[in-house]
Amino acid sequence: MNIRPLHDRVVVRRKEEEQTTAGGIVLPGSAKEKPNQGEVVAVGNGRVLDNGDVRPVDVKVGDTVVFGKYAGSDTIEVEGEELVILSEGDIKAVLA
């Protein structure tokens, strides 16, 4: 995939949406919430600090991350796939 985010930005592929509830009820498209987990597909070089140093991003390609419910309003389509561009600060945790 040819995408390189700038500075402390991270590109994430959202986890697949669930089609049914735990009880077996099929959810229509309008009732589904967008998942707040995804796989990191690209990371920037890091945040440039006031003194000119670069602080690297804490996540790496392949990590599964959890991000805020309202994070990820910046979506793009690359090679037919919808991706989310997040600031590193929007990422809440890395799943092991």
PDB file of N, CA and C in Angstrom:
ATOM      1  N   MET A   1       0.849  -1.168   0.000  1.00  0.00           N
ATOM      2  CA  MET A   1       0.000   0.000   0.000  1.00  0.00           C
ATOM      3  C   MET A   1       0.896   1.233   0.000  1.00  0.00           C
ATOM      4  N   ASN A   2       0.606   2.163  -0.866  1.00  0.00           N
ATOM      5  CA  ASN A   2       1.422   3.365  -0.987  1.00  0.00           C
ATOM      6  C   ASN A   2       0.777   4.541  -0.283  1.00  0.00           C
ATOM      7  N   ILE A   3       0.991   4.641   1.012  1.00  0.00           N
ATOM      8  CA  ILE A   3       0.528   5.795   1.769  1.00  0.00           C
ATOM      9  C   ILE A   3       1.519   6.022   2.898  1.00  0.00           C
ATOM     10  N   ARG A   4       1.893   7.276   3.082  1.00  0.00           N
ATOM     11  CA  ARG A   4       2.833   7.622   4.149  1.00  0.00           C
ATOM     12  C   ARG A   4       2.275   8.835   4.887  1.00  0.00           C
ATOM     13  N   PRO A   5       1.745   8.616   6.087  1.00  0.00           N
ATOM     14  CA  PRO A   5       1.217   9.746   6.846  1.00  0.00           C
ATOM     15  C   PRO A   5       2.340  10.648   7.346  1.00  0.00           C
ATOM     16  N   LEU A   6       2.013  11.895   7.593  1.00  0.00           N
ATOM     17  CA  LEU A   6       3.002  12.863   8.051  1.00  0.00           C
ATOM     18  C   LEU A   6       3.007  12.960   9.570  1.00  0.00           C
ATOM     19  N   HIS A   7       4.155  13.294  10.107  1.00  0.00           N
ATOM     20  CA  HIS A   7       4.374  13.593  11.526  1.00  0.00           C
ATOM     21  C   HIS A   7       3.828  12.497  12.434  1.00  0.00           C
ATOM     22  N   ASP A   8       2.886  12.827  13.331  1.00  0.00           N
ATOM     23  CA  ASP A   8       2.409  11.844  14.305  1.00  0.00           C
ATOM     24  C   ASP A   8       1.080  11.224  13.877  1.00  0.00           C
ATOM     25  N   ARG A   9       0.819  11.165  12.589  1.00  0.00           N
ATOM     26  CA  ARG A   9      -0.415  10.567  12.082  1.00  0.00           C
ATOM     27  C   ARG A   9      -0.240   9.065  11.892  1.00  0.00           C
ATOM     28  N   VAL A  10      -1.354   8.347  12.015  1.00  0.00           N
ATOM     29  CA  VAL A  10      -1.373   6.897  11.881  1.00  0.00           C
ATOM     30  C   VAL A  10      -2.539   6.532  10.967  1.00  0.00           C
ATOM     31  N   VAL A  11      -2.314   5.618  10.029  1.00  0.00           N
ATOM     32  CA  VAL A  11      -3.375   5.141   9.143  1.00  0.00           C
ATOM     33  C   VAL A  11      -3.822   3.775   9.646  1.00  0.00           C
ATOM     34  N   VAL A  12      -5.150   3.635   9.842  1.00  0.00           N
ATOM     35  CA  VAL A  12      -5.710   2.426  10.445  1.00  0.00           C
ATOM     36  C   VAL A  12      -6.785   1.851   9.543  1.00  0.00           C
ATOM     37  N   ARG A  13      -6.792   0.520   9.429  1.00  0.00           N
ATOM     38  CA  ARG A  13      -7.869  -0.206   8.751  1.00  0.00           C
ATOM     39  C   ARG A  13      -8.824  -0.666   9.846  1.00  0.00           C
ATOM     40  N   ARG A  14     -10.067  -0.170   9.786  1.00  0.00           N
ATOM     41  CA  ARG A  14     -11.043  -0.543  10.817  1.00  0.00           C
ATOM     42  C   ARG A  14     -11.295  -2.044  10.818  1.00  0.00           C
ATOM     43  N   LYS A  15     -11.540  -2.583  12.023  1.00  0.00           N
ATOM     44  CA  LYS A  15     -11.922  -3.976  12.182  1.00  0.00           C
ATOM     45  C   LYS A  15     -13.264  -4.179  11.507  1.00  0.00           C
ATOM     46  N   GLU A  16     -13.499  -5.345  10.955  1.00  0.00           N
ATOM     47  CA  GLU A  16     -14.759  -5.628  10.281  1.00  0.00           C
ATOM     48  C   GLU A  16     -15.933  -5.438  11.235  1.00  0.00           C
ATOM     49  N   GLU A  17     -17.011  -4.868  10.704  1.00  0.00           N
ATOM     50  CA  GLU A  17     -18.206  -4.639  11.501  1.00  0.00           C
ATOM     51  C   GLU A  17     -18.935  -5.955  11.735  1.00  0.00           C
ATOM     52  N   GLU A  18     -19.520  -6.076  12.923  1.00  0.00           N
ATOM     53  CA  GLU A  18     -20.306  -7.263  13.246  1.00  0.00           C
ATOM     54  C   GLU A  18     -21.630  -7.206  12.486  1.00  0.00           C
ATOM     55  N   GLN A  19     -22.056  -8.330  11.959  1.00  0.00           N
ATOM     56  CA  GLN A  19     -23.312  -8.399  11.222  1.00  0.00           C
ATOM     57  C   GLN A  19     -24.489  -8.801  12.108  1.00  0.00           C
ATOM     58  N   THR A  20     -24.204  -9.536  13.194  1.00  0.00           N
ATOM     59  CA  THR A  20     -25.265  -9.989  14.087  1.00  0.00           C
ATOM     60  C   THR A  20     -24.870  -9.710  15.526  1.00  0.00           C
ATOM     61  N   THR A  21     -25.867  -9.627  16.396  1.00  0.00           N
ATOM     62  CA  THR A  21     -25.606  -9.441  17.825  1.00  0.00           C
ATOM     63  C   THR A  21     -25.278 -10.792  18.440  1.00  0.00           C
ATOM     64  N   ALA A  22     -24.888 -10.788  19.715  1.00  0.00           N
ATOM     65  CA  ALA A  22     -24.582 -12.035  20.413  1.00  0.00           C
ATOM     66  C   ALA A  22     -25.812 -12.938  20.474  1.00  0.00           C
ATOM     67  N   GLY A  23     -27.004 -12.346  20.478  1.00  0.00           N
ATOM     68  CA  GLY A  23     -28.241 -13.124  20.519  1.00  0.00           C
ATOM     69  C   GLY A  23     -28.689 -13.620  19.160  1.00  0.00           C
ATOM     70  N   GLY A  24     -27.964 -13.289  18.103  1.00  0.00           N
ATOM     71  CA  GLY A  24     -28.284 -13.769  16.768  1.00  0.00           C
ATOM     72  C   GLY A  24     -29.144 -12.838  15.955  1.00  0.00           C
ATOM     73  N   ILE A  25     -29.375 -11.617  16.436  1.00  0.00           N
ATOM     74  CA  ILE A  25     -30.194 -10.653  15.695  1.00  0.00           C
ATOM     75  C   ILE A  25     -29.332  -9.975  14.641  1.00  0.00           C
ATOM     76  N   VAL A  26     -29.806  -9.976  13.399  1.00  0.00           N
ATOM     77  CA  VAL A  26     -29.078  -9.331  12.307  1.00  0.00           C
ATOM     78  C   VAL A  26     -29.367  -7.839  12.358  1.00  0.00           C
ATOM     79  N   LEU A  27     -28.301  -7.049  12.342  1.00  0.00           N
ATOM     80  CA  LEU A  27     -28.447  -5.600  12.420  1.00  0.00           C
ATOM     81  C   LEU A  27     -28.461  -4.984  11.027  1.00  0.00           C
ATOM     82  N   PRO A  28     -29.407  -4.072  10.761  1.00  0.00           N
ATOM     83  CA  PRO A  28     -29.364  -3.353   9.488  1.00  0.00           C
ATOM     84  C   PRO A  28     -28.211  -2.358   9.499  1.00  0.00           C
ATOM     85  N   GLY A  29     -27.793  -1.899   8.336  1.00  0.00           N
ATOM     86  CA  GLY A  29     -26.651  -0.988   8.221  1.00  0.00           C
ATOM     87  C   GLY A  29     -26.776   0.257   9.063  1.00  0.00           C
ATOM     88  N   SER A  30     -27.987   0.814   9.198  1.00  0.00           N
ATOM     89  CA  SER A  30     -28.169   2.056   9.948  1.00  0.00           C
ATOM     90  C   SER A  30     -28.043   1.861  11.448  1.00  0.00           C
ATOM     91  N   ALA A  31     -28.204   0.626  11.938  1.00  0.00           N
ATOM     92  CA  ALA A  31     -28.141   0.377  13.382  1.00  0.00           C
ATOM     93  C   ALA A  31     -26.739   0.033  13.854  1.00  0.00           C
ATOM     94  N   LYS A  32     -25.842  -0.206  12.935  1.00  0.00           N
ATOM     95  CA  LYS A  32     -24.484  -0.609  13.304  1.00  0.00           C
ATOM     96  C   LYS A  32     -23.656   0.607  13.707  1.00  0.00           C
ATOM     97  N   GLU A  33     -22.837   0.404  14.728  1.00  0.00           N
ATOM     98  CA  GLU A  33     -21.857   1.424  15.088  1.00  0.00           C
ATOM     99  C   GLU A  33     -20.553   1.066  14.409  1.00  0.00           C
ATOM    100  N   LYS A  34     -19.810   2.077  14.003  1.00  0.00           N
ATOM    101  CA  LYS A  34     -18.504   1.806  13.409  1.00  0.00           C
ATOM    102  C   LYS A  34     -17.583   1.299  14.505  1.00  0.00           C
ATOM    103  N   PRO A  35     -16.812   0.273  14.218  1.00  0.00           N
ATOM    104  CA  PRO A  35     -15.911  -0.271  15.236  1.00  0.00           C
ATOM    105  C   PRO A  35     -14.837   0.737  15.624  1.00  0.00           C
ATOM    106  N   ASN A  36     -14.401   0.668  16.879  1.00  0.00           N
ATOM    107  CA  ASN A  36     -13.366   1.576  17.363  1.00  0.00           C
ATOM    108  C   ASN A  36     -12.038   0.841  17.532  1.00  0.00           C
ATOM    109  N   GLN A  37     -11.871  -0.235  16.792  1.00  0.00           N
ATOM    110  CA  GLN A  37     -10.612  -0.979  16.777  1.00  0.00           C
ATOM    111  C   GLN A  37     -10.165  -1.136  15.337  1.00  0.00           C
ATOM    112  N   GLY A  38      -8.849  -1.276  15.167  1.00  0.00           N
ATOM    113  CA  GLY A  38      -8.346  -1.482  13.828  1.00  0.00           C
ATOM    114  C   GLY A  38      -6.882  -1.841  13.818  1.00  0.00           C
ATOM    115  N   GLU A  39      -6.400  -2.175  12.628  1.00  0.00           N
ATOM    116  CA  GLU A  39      -4.999  -2.551  12.434  1.00  0.00           C
ATOM    117  C   GLU A  39      -4.248  -1.384  11.811  1.00  0.00           C
ATOM    118  N   VAL A  40      -3.088  -1.081  12.369  1.00  0.00           N
ATOM    119  CA  VAL A  40      -2.251  -0.003  11.852  1.00  0.00           C
ATOM    120  C   VAL A  40      -1.617  -0.469  10.548  1.00  0.00           C
ATOM    121  N   VAL A  41      -1.793   0.328   9.479  1.00  0.00           N
ATOM    122  CA  VAL A  41      -1.212  -0.022   8.179  1.00  0.00           C
ATOM    123  C   VAL A  41      -0.065   0.906   7.783  1.00  0.00           C
ATOM    124  N   ALA A  42       0.040   2.081   8.421  1.00  0.00           N
ATOM    125  CA  ALA A  42       1.148   3.001   8.137  1.00  0.00           C
ATOM    126  C   ALA A  42       1.271   3.991   9.285  1.00  0.00           C
ATOM    127  N   VAL A  43       2.501   4.421   9.564  1.00  0.00           N
ATOM    128  CA  VAL A  43       2.746   5.422  10.616  1.00  0.00           C
ATOM    129  C   VAL A  43       3.680   6.502  10.084  1.00  0.00           C
ATOM    130  N   GLY A  44       3.533   7.700  10.645  1.00  0.00           N
ATOM    131  CA  GLY A  44       4.418   8.801  10.294  1.00  0.00           C
ATOM    132  C   GLY A  44       5.732   8.701  11.045  1.00  0.00           C
ATOM    133  N   ASN A  45       6.618   9.665  10.802  1.00  0.00           N
ATOM    134  CA  ASN A  45       7.935   9.666  11.441  1.00  0.00           C
ATOM    135  C   ASN A  45       7.890  10.058  12.902  1.00  0.00           C
ATOM    136  N   GLY A  46       6.920  10.865  13.300  1.00  0.00           N
ATOM    137  CA  GLY A  46       6.805  11.294  14.689  1.00  0.00           C
ATOM    138  C   GLY A  46       6.567  12.786  14.793  1.00  0.00           C
ATOM    139  N   ARG A  47       6.251  13.212  16.005  1.00  0.00           N
ATOM    140  CA  ARG A  47       5.966  14.626  16.272  1.00  0.00           C
ATOM    141  C   ARG A  47       7.270  15.408  16.384  1.00  0.00           C
ATOM    142  N   VAL A  48       7.312  16.551  15.729  1.00  0.00           N
ATOM    143  CA  VAL A  48       8.463  17.441  15.827  1.00  0.00           C
ATOM    144  C   VAL A  48       8.262  18.323  17.062  1.00  0.00           C
ATOM    145  N   LEU A  49       9.186  18.226  18.009  1.00  0.00           N
ATOM    146  CA  LEU A  49       9.100  18.991  19.253  1.00  0.00           C
ATOM    147  C   LEU A  49       9.579  20.422  19.037  1.00  0.00           C
ATOM    148  N   ASP A  50       9.321  21.293  20.006  1.00  0.00           N
ATOM    149  CA  ASP A  50       9.704  22.704  19.901  1.00  0.00           C
ATOM    150  C   ASP A  50      11.203  22.899  19.695  1.00  0.00           C
ATOM    151  N   ASN A  51      12.016  21.983  20.266  1.00  0.00           N
ATOM    152  CA  ASN A  51      13.471  22.121  20.134  1.00  0.00           C
ATOM    153  C   ASN A  51      14.013  21.500  18.847  1.00  0.00           C
ATOM    154  N   GLY A  52      13.116  20.990  17.989  1.00  0.00           N
ATOM    155  CA  GLY A  52      13.532  20.427  16.712  1.00  0.00           C
ATOM    156  C   GLY A  52      13.716  18.924  16.711  1.00  0.00           C
ATOM    157  N   ASP A  53      13.732  18.300  17.900  1.00  0.00           N
ATOM    158  CA  ASP A  53      13.854  16.843  17.966  1.00  0.00           C
ATOM    159  C   ASP A  53      12.557  16.194  17.479  1.00  0.00           C
ATOM    160  N   VAL A  54      12.666  14.956  17.036  1.00  0.00           N
ATOM    161  CA  VAL A  54      11.496  14.208  16.594  1.00  0.00           C
ATOM    162  C   VAL A  54      11.235  13.092  17.596  1.00  0.00           C
ATOM    163  N   ARG A  55       9.996  13.073  18.156  1.00  0.00           N
ATOM    164  CA  ARG A  55       9.603  11.999  19.072  1.00  0.00           C
ATOM    165  C   ARG A  55       8.864  10.960  18.240  1.00  0.00           C
ATOM    166  N   PRO A  56       9.416   9.734  18.131  1.00  0.00           N
ATOM    167  CA  PRO A  56       8.792   8.722  17.273  1.00  0.00           C
ATOM    168  C   PRO A  56       7.413   8.304  17.782  1.00  0.00           C
ATOM    169  N   VAL A  57       6.618   7.778  16.867  1.00  0.00           N
ATOM    170  CA  VAL A  57       5.281   7.293  17.189  1.00  0.00           C
ATOM    171  C   VAL A  57       5.407   5.982  17.963  1.00  0.00           C
ATOM    172  N   ASP A  58       4.531   5.782  18.971  1.00  0.00           N
ATOM    173  CA  ASP A  58       4.609   4.606  19.842  1.00  0.00           C
ATOM    174  C   ASP A  58       4.046   3.331  19.225  1.00  0.00           C
ATOM    175  N   VAL A  59       3.273   3.430  18.149  1.00  0.00           N
ATOM    176  CA  VAL A  59       2.700   2.238  17.524  1.00  0.00           C
ATOM    177  C   VAL A  59       3.476   1.906  16.261  1.00  0.00           C
ATOM    178  N   LYS A  60       3.319   0.660  15.813  1.00  0.00           N
ATOM    179  CA  LYS A  60       4.008   0.238  14.590  1.00  0.00           C
ATOM    180  C   LYS A  60       3.019  -0.475  13.675  1.00  0.00           C
ATOM    181  N   VAL A  61       3.390  -0.634  12.441  1.00  0.00           N
ATOM    182  CA  VAL A  61       2.545  -1.316  11.461  1.00  0.00           C
ATOM    183  C   VAL A  61       2.254  -2.729  11.955  1.00  0.00           C
ATOM    184  N   GLY A  62       0.981  -3.118  11.889  1.00  0.00           N
ATOM    185  CA  GLY A  62       0.568  -4.446  12.329  1.00  0.00           C
ATOM    186  C   GLY A  62      -0.068  -4.461  13.710  1.00  0.00           C
ATOM    187  N   ASP A  63       0.138  -3.406  14.515  1.00  0.00           N
ATOM    188  CA  ASP A  63      -0.488  -3.321  15.833  1.00  0.00           C
ATOM    189  C   ASP A  63      -1.995  -3.204  15.691  1.00  0.00           C
ATOM    190  N   THR A  64      -2.729  -3.808  16.635  1.00  0.00           N
ATOM    191  CA  THR A  64      -4.172  -3.615  16.732  1.00  0.00           C
ATOM    192  C   THR A  64      -4.411  -2.572  17.801  1.00  0.00           C
ATOM    193  N   VAL A  65      -5.101  -1.500  17.430  1.00  0.00           N
ATOM    194  CA  VAL A  65      -5.267  -0.372  18.335  1.00  0.00           C
ATOM    195  C   VAL A  65      -6.750  -0.103  18.606  1.00  0.00           C
ATOM    196  N   VAL A  66      -6.989   0.555  19.743  1.00  0.00           N
ATOM    197  CA  VAL A  66      -8.320   1.023  20.117  1.00  0.00           C
ATOM    198  C   VAL A  66      -8.266   2.537  20.077  1.00  0.00           C
ATOM    199  N   PHE A  67      -9.266   3.143  19.434  1.00  0.00           N
ATOM    200  CA  PHE A  67      -9.295   4.602  19.357  1.00  0.00           C
ATOM    201  C   PHE A  67     -10.660   5.102  19.795  1.00  0.00           C
ATOM    202  N   GLY A  68     -10.734   6.395  20.052  1.00  0.00           N
ATOM    203  CA  GLY A  68     -11.949   7.002  20.560  1.00  0.00           C
ATOM    204  C   GLY A  68     -13.131   6.851  19.621  1.00  0.00           C
ATOM    205  N   LYS A  69     -14.330   6.854  20.180  1.00  0.00           N
ATOM    206  CA  LYS A  69     -15.554   6.655  19.412  1.00  0.00           C
ATOM    207  C   LYS A  69     -15.718   7.712  18.323  1.00  0.00           C
ATOM    208  N   TYR A  70     -15.345   8.949  18.632  1.00  0.00           N
ATOM    209  CA  TYR A  70     -15.529  10.031  17.671  1.00  0.00           C
ATOM    210  C   TYR A  70     -14.252  10.373  16.922  1.00  0.00           C
ATOM    211  N   ALA A  71     -13.198   9.608  17.128  1.00  0.00           N
ATOM    212  CA  ALA A  71     -11.946   9.809  16.389  1.00  0.00           C
ATOM    213  C   ALA A  71     -12.111   9.234  14.986  1.00  0.00           C
ATOM    214  N   GLY A  72     -11.302   9.677  14.092  1.00  0.00           N
ATOM    215  CA  GLY A  72     -11.300   9.086  12.763  1.00  0.00           C
ATOM    216  C   GLY A  72     -12.303   9.676  11.808  1.00  0.00           C
ATOM    217  N   SER A  73     -12.551  10.962  11.949  1.00  0.00           N
ATOM    218  CA  SER A  73     -13.454  11.597  10.990  1.00  0.00           C
ATOM    219  C   SER A  73     -12.769  11.782   9.641  1.00  0.00           C
ATOM    220  N   ASP A  74     -11.446  11.623   9.606  1.00  0.00           N
ATOM    221  CA  ASP A  74     -10.690  11.730   8.358  1.00  0.00           C
ATOM    222  C   ASP A  74     -10.548  10.338   7.751  1.00  0.00           C
ATOM    223  N   THR A  75     -11.394  10.025   6.791  1.00  0.00           N
ATOM    224  CA  THR A  75     -11.311   8.737   6.123  1.00  0.00           C
ATOM    225  C   THR A  75     -10.923   8.964   4.672  1.00  0.00           C
ATOM    226  N   ILE A  76     -10.186   8.014   4.141  1.00  0.00           N
ATOM    227  CA  ILE A  76      -9.773   8.073   2.740  1.00  0.00           C
ATOM    228  C   ILE A  76      -9.985   6.701   2.124  1.00  0.00           C
ATOM    229  N   GLU A  77      -9.995   6.662   0.815  1.00  0.00           N
ATOM    230  CA  GLU A  77     -10.089   5.392   0.121  1.00  0.00           C
ATOM    231  C   GLU A  77      -8.815   5.192  -0.684  1.00  0.00           C
ATOM    232  N   VAL A  78      -8.118   4.093  -0.396  1.00  0.00           N
ATOM    233  CA  VAL A  78      -6.877   3.759  -1.089  1.00  0.00           C
ATOM    234  C   VAL A  78      -7.018   2.345  -1.619  1.00  0.00           C
ATOM    235  N   GLU A  79      -6.846   2.197  -2.924  1.00  0.00           N
ATOM    236  CA  GLU A  79      -6.942   0.891  -3.587  1.00  0.00           C
ATOM    237  C   GLU A  79      -8.259   0.202  -3.253  1.00  0.00           C
ATOM    238  N   GLY A  80      -9.356   0.974  -3.204  1.00  0.00           N
ATOM    239  CA  GLY A  80     -10.676   0.422  -2.958  1.00  0.00           C
ATOM    240  C   GLY A  80     -10.980   0.088  -1.512  1.00  0.00           C
ATOM    241  N   GLU A  81     -10.110   0.482  -0.607  1.00  0.00           N
ATOM    242  CA  GLU A  81     -10.273   0.160   0.813  1.00  0.00           C
ATOM    243  C   GLU A  81     -10.391   1.450   1.618  1.00  0.00           C
ATOM    244  N   GLU A  82     -11.373   1.503   2.526  1.00  0.00           N
ATOM    245  CA  GLU A  82     -11.554   2.688   3.351  1.00  0.00           C
ATOM    246  C   GLU A  82     -10.621   2.626   4.558  1.00  0.00           C
ATOM    247  N   LEU A  83      -9.825   3.680   4.720  1.00  0.00           N
ATOM    248  CA  LEU A  83      -8.867   3.762   5.816  1.00  0.00           C
ATOM    249  C   LEU A  83      -9.140   5.017   6.637  1.00  0.00           C
ATOM    250  N   VAL A  84      -8.705   4.997   7.888  1.00  0.00           N
ATOM    251  CA  VAL A  84      -8.901   6.110   8.804  1.00  0.00           C
ATOM    252  C   VAL A  84      -7.536   6.709   9.124  1.00  0.00           C
ATOM    253  N   ILE A  85      -7.441   8.035   9.071  1.00  0.00           N
ATOM    254  CA  ILE A  85      -6.214   8.722   9.465  1.00  0.00           C
ATOM    255  C   ILE A  85      -6.447   9.319  10.845  1.00  0.00           C
ATOM    256  N   LEU A  86      -5.625   8.903  11.809  1.00  0.00           N
ATOM    257  CA  LEU A  86      -5.741   9.348  13.195  1.00  0.00           C
ATOM    258  C   LEU A  86      -4.486  10.070  13.619  1.00  0.00           C
ATOM    259  N   SER A  87      -4.628  10.979  14.554  1.00  0.00           N
ATOM    260  CA  SER A  87      -3.491  11.529  15.238  1.00  0.00           C
ATOM    261  C   SER A  87      -3.094  10.500  16.305  1.00  0.00           C
ATOM    262  N   GLU A  88      -1.831  10.435  16.641  1.00  0.00           N
ATOM    263  CA  GLU A  88      -1.400   9.470  17.658  1.00  0.00           C
ATOM    264  C   GLU A  88      -2.154   9.686  18.975  1.00  0.00           C
ATOM    265  N   GLY A  89      -2.522  10.916  19.276  1.00  0.00           N
ATOM    266  CA  GLY A  89      -3.260  11.208  20.502  1.00  0.00           C
ATOM    267  C   GLY A  89      -4.666  10.637  20.528  1.00  0.00           C
ATOM    268  N   ASP A  90      -5.231  10.297  19.359  1.00  0.00           N
ATOM    269  CA  ASP A  90      -6.570   9.696  19.301  1.00  0.00           C
ATOM    270  C   ASP A  90      -6.551   8.219  19.648  1.00  0.00           C
ATOM    271  N   ILE A  91      -5.369   7.604  19.640  1.00  0.00           N
ATOM    272  CA  ILE A  91      -5.257   6.188  19.959  1.00  0.00           C
ATOM    273  C   ILE A  91      -5.207   6.014  21.464  1.00  0.00           C
ATOM    274  N   LYS A  92      -6.112   5.166  21.985  1.00  0.00           N
ATOM    275  CA  LYS A  92      -6.227   4.979  23.437  1.00  0.00           C
ATOM    276  C   LYS A  92      -5.387   3.817  23.956  1.00  0.00           C
ATOM    277  N   ALA A  93      -5.218   2.756  23.165  1.00  0.00           N
ATOM    278  CA  ALA A  93      -4.491   1.578  23.641  1.00  0.00           C
ATOM    279  C   ALA A  93      -4.063   0.716  22.465  1.00  0.00           C
ATOM    280  N   VAL A  94      -3.074  -0.148  22.730  1.00  0.00           N
ATOM    281  CA  VAL A  94      -2.640  -1.171  21.790  1.00  0.00           C
ATOM    282  C   VAL A  94      -3.026  -2.517  22.380  1.00  0.00           C
ATOM    283  N   LEU A  95      -3.736  -3.335  21.616  1.00  0.00           N
ATOM    284  CA  LEU A  95      -4.137  -4.654  22.101  1.00  0.00           C
ATOM    285  C   LEU A  95      -3.014  -5.644  21.884  1.00  0.00           C
ATOM    286  N   ALA A  96      -2.769  -6.463  22.894  1.00  0.00           N
ATOM    287  CA  ALA A  96      -1.697  -7.467  22.803  1.00  0.00           C
ATOM    288  C   ALA A  96      -2.207  -8.750  22.198  1.00  0.00           C
TER     289      ALA A  96
END
